[in-house]
Amino acid sequence: MPRMDPGEARRRFLAARVARLATVDAAGRPYLVPTVFAAFGDDGIVTAVDRKPKTTTRLKRLRNIEATGSVSLLADDYDEDWNRLWWARADGDARIVPPDAEDERTVVRYGTALARLLRKYPQYREIPPDGPVIAITVRHWTGWYATEPPAAGPGGQDPGDRGPGP
C-alpha cells in the first residue's frame, strides 16, 4: 500500500472534479463540506461560495477560516476493485477573499480565482459564484493508492494552469 509522492498527490488532486474541505473552529472541532475547486498557481487552490441554496449566509467554513485559517482538502477515487483505490490530500492555510474588496490587488485576485473556476466548471458560466473566494496555500501534499495504481485522475482532466498563486 504505497504512499504517493507529493507531485503525484498534487496531480491526482487537481484532476479531481470534487473534494471535501475540512476546517476547524477555535475549539478544535472539525467541520467538513464537499466543494469544487481550481488550481491557483503552483501551490494554490481556490473555491468559492456559490449561489446554490445555503441554510445561512454566515457559513461555518468561513467562520472557521476566520478563526484558525487551517484547512485540509481531500479528493479520492472509489472503485469496486479495491486495488484501484486512491486518495490525495492538500493541507494548508486559507484566507477569505471578499467579492466587494476595494484594493486593486484583491480585486484582481478575486477575478482570477473566479476565472479559474469558470474554466473548470461550465455550470458556473451560467450562474457564476458571487460570494467570497477561499484562497488556500498548500503547505503539504500527501496521498495513498492501493497495490495497483490507477491510470490518470478522474476523467483525465487537466489540472488547470499555473498562473500566479493565491
Protein backbone atom coordinates (compact mmCIF):
# COMPACT_ATOMS: atom_id res chain seq x y z
CA MET A 1 0.00 0.00 0.00
CA PRO A 2 2.26 2.75 -1.28
CA ARG A 3 2.16 6.39 -0.37
CA MET A 4 2.12 8.86 -3.22
CA ASP A 5 4.92 11.31 -3.69
CA PRO A 6 3.79 14.94 -3.33
CA GLY A 7 3.85 15.58 -7.09
CA GLU A 8 1.58 12.64 -7.84
CA ALA A 9 -0.75 13.60 -4.99
CA ARG A 10 -0.99 17.13 -6.41
CA ARG A 11 -1.63 15.86 -9.94
CA ARG A 12 -4.40 13.49 -8.91
CA PHE A 13 -5.98 16.00 -6.55
CA LEU A 14 -6.12 18.77 -9.16
CA ALA A 15 -7.56 16.40 -11.76
CA ALA A 16 -10.49 15.54 -9.47
CA ARG A 17 -13.84 17.25 -10.00
CA VAL A 18 -14.87 17.43 -6.34
CA ALA A 19 -13.15 17.38 -2.95
CA ARG A 20 -14.04 17.66 0.71
CA LEU A 21 -12.99 20.80 2.56
CA ALA A 22 -12.22 20.34 6.24
CA THR A 23 -11.94 23.33 8.55
CA VAL A 24 -11.54 23.52 12.30
CA ASP A 25 -13.03 26.01 14.74
CA ALA A 26 -11.21 27.77 17.59
CA ALA A 27 -12.13 24.92 19.97
CA GLY A 28 -10.61 22.33 17.64
CA ARG A 29 -13.92 20.91 16.38
CA PRO A 30 -13.73 19.80 12.72
CA TYR A 31 -16.24 20.67 10.02
CA LEU A 32 -16.44 19.04 6.58
CA VAL A 33 -18.22 20.05 3.36
CA PRO A 34 -18.00 18.95 -0.28
CA THR A 35 -16.55 21.56 -2.61
CA VAL A 36 -15.47 22.25 -6.16
CA PHE A 37 -12.13 23.93 -6.67
CA ALA A 38 -9.48 25.05 -9.14
CA ALA A 39 -5.71 25.30 -9.19
CA PHE A 40 -4.27 28.73 -8.49
CA GLY A 41 -0.55 28.95 -9.03
CA ASP A 42 1.92 26.22 -8.13
CA ASP A 43 0.62 25.53 -4.64
CA GLY A 44 -2.70 27.30 -4.51
CA ILE A 45 -6.29 26.12 -4.60
CA VAL A 46 -9.39 28.29 -4.78
CA THR A 47 -13.02 27.57 -4.11
CA ALA A 48 -15.93 29.99 -3.86
CA VAL A 49 -19.21 30.39 -2.06
CA ASP A 50 -21.61 29.98 -4.94
CA ARG A 51 -25.32 30.58 -5.38
CA LYS A 52 -26.53 27.08 -4.53
CA PRO A 53 -29.04 27.23 -1.64
CA LYS A 54 -27.46 27.56 1.81
CA THR A 55 -29.06 27.46 5.25
CA THR A 56 -27.33 30.72 6.23
CA THR A 57 -25.09 33.40 4.75
CA ARG A 58 -22.77 33.17 7.77
CA LEU A 59 -21.24 29.85 6.76
CA LYS A 60 -19.39 27.77 9.35
CA ARG A 61 -16.49 27.10 6.97
CA LEU A 62 -15.93 30.87 6.66
CA ARG A 63 -16.18 31.39 10.43
CA ASN A 64 -13.69 28.57 10.98
CA ILE A 65 -11.24 30.01 8.46
CA GLU A 66 -11.52 33.40 10.13
CA ALA A 67 -10.80 31.73 13.49
CA THR A 68 -7.92 29.41 12.59
CA GLY A 69 -7.06 29.53 8.88
CA SER A 70 -6.21 25.81 8.90
CA VAL A 71 -7.76 23.65 6.18
CA SER A 72 -7.39 20.26 4.61
CA LEU A 73 -8.88 19.15 1.30
CA LEU A 74 -9.35 15.53 0.28
CA ALA A 75 -10.05 14.07 -3.17
CA ASP A 76 -10.41 10.37 -3.79
CA ASP A 77 -11.48 7.77 -6.29
CA TYR A 78 -13.53 4.77 -5.22
CA ASP A 79 -13.68 1.58 -7.27
CA GLU A 80 -15.30 -1.77 -6.54
CA ASP A 81 -11.87 -3.19 -7.32
CA TRP A 82 -10.14 -2.09 -4.15
CA ASN A 83 -6.76 -2.46 -5.85
CA ARG A 84 -7.60 0.76 -7.69
CA LEU A 85 -8.45 2.98 -4.71
CA TRP A 86 -6.57 6.21 -4.09
CA TRP A 87 -6.82 9.46 -2.18
CA ALA A 88 -4.87 12.71 -2.26
CA ARG A 89 -4.84 15.42 0.39
CA ALA A 90 -3.80 19.07 0.43
CA ASP A 91 -3.11 20.61 3.86
CA GLY A 92 -2.70 24.34 4.07
CA ASP A 93 -3.61 27.81 5.18
CA ALA A 94 -6.73 29.58 3.94
CA ARG A 95 -7.86 33.14 3.73
CA ILE A 96 -11.10 34.70 2.60
CA VAL A 97 -11.10 36.96 -0.45
CA PRO A 98 -14.24 39.12 -0.37
CA PRO A 99 -16.19 39.88 -3.55
CA ASP A 100 -16.51 43.56 -2.63
CA ALA A 101 -12.85 44.34 -1.94
CA GLU A 102 -11.68 47.84 -2.72
CA ASP A 103 -7.93 47.40 -3.13
CA GLU A 104 -6.84 46.56 -6.66
CA ARG A 105 -4.69 43.55 -5.75
CA THR A 106 -7.60 41.79 -4.02
CA VAL A 107 -9.99 42.67 -6.85
CA VAL A 108 -7.58 41.09 -9.36
CA ARG A 109 -7.06 38.03 -7.16
CA TYR A 110 -10.83 37.54 -6.79
CA GLY A 111 -11.40 37.90 -10.55
CA THR A 112 -8.58 35.49 -11.40
CA ALA A 113 -9.92 32.90 -8.95
CA LEU A 114 -13.40 33.13 -10.47
CA ALA A 115 -11.96 32.81 -13.99
CA ARG A 116 -10.21 29.58 -13.00
CA LEU A 117 -13.41 28.17 -11.50
CA LEU A 118 -15.46 29.14 -14.57
CA ARG A 119 -12.93 27.46 -16.84
CA LYS A 120 -13.09 24.19 -14.87
CA TYR A 121 -16.85 24.13 -14.21
CA PRO A 122 -19.14 25.06 -17.13
CA GLN A 123 -22.09 25.25 -14.71
CA TYR A 124 -20.57 28.43 -13.28
CA ARG A 125 -20.63 30.13 -16.69
CA GLU A 126 -24.41 30.47 -16.47
CA ILE A 127 -24.54 31.37 -12.79
CA PRO A 128 -21.10 32.46 -11.56
CA PRO A 129 -20.32 32.50 -7.84
CA ASP A 130 -20.94 35.84 -6.18
CA GLY A 131 -19.76 35.10 -2.65
CA PRO A 132 -16.33 35.09 -1.08
CA VAL A 133 -13.47 33.08 -2.51
CA ILE A 134 -11.46 30.82 -0.23
CA ALA A 135 -7.80 31.00 -1.27
CA ILE A 136 -5.67 28.16 0.05
CA THR A 137 -1.89 28.00 0.10
CA VAL A 138 -1.00 24.31 0.20
CA ARG A 139 1.81 23.54 2.64
CA HIS A 140 1.79 19.76 2.25
CA TRP A 141 0.60 17.31 -0.43
CA THR A 142 0.15 13.68 0.52
CA GLY A 143 -1.69 10.68 -0.83
CA TRP A 144 -2.10 6.95 -0.93
CA TYR A 145 -3.01 4.35 -3.51
CA ALA A 146 -3.68 0.64 -3.31
CA THR A 147 -1.47 -2.03 -4.82
CA GLU A 148 -2.39 -1.26 -8.43
CA PRO A 149 -2.08 2.47 -9.17
CA PRO A 150 -4.95 3.60 -11.39
CA ALA A 151 -4.43 5.40 -14.67
CA ALA A 152 -4.80 9.18 -14.88
CA GLY A 153 -7.07 11.01 -12.43
CA PRO A 154 -10.86 11.09 -12.73
CA GLY A 155 -11.88 11.80 -16.29
CA GLY A 156 -8.27 12.56 -17.22
CA GLN A 157 -8.98 16.24 -16.55
CA ASP A 158 -6.31 18.87 -16.98
CA PRO A 159 -5.36 20.15 -13.51
CA GLY A 160 -5.52 23.75 -14.72
CA ASP A 161 -2.91 26.33 -15.41
CA ARG A 162 -0.26 27.52 -13.05
CA GLY A 163 -0.82 31.25 -13.09
CA PRO A 164 0.06 33.45 -10.12
CA GLY A 165 -0.62 31.85 -6.74
CA PRO A 166 -3.12 32.96 -4.13
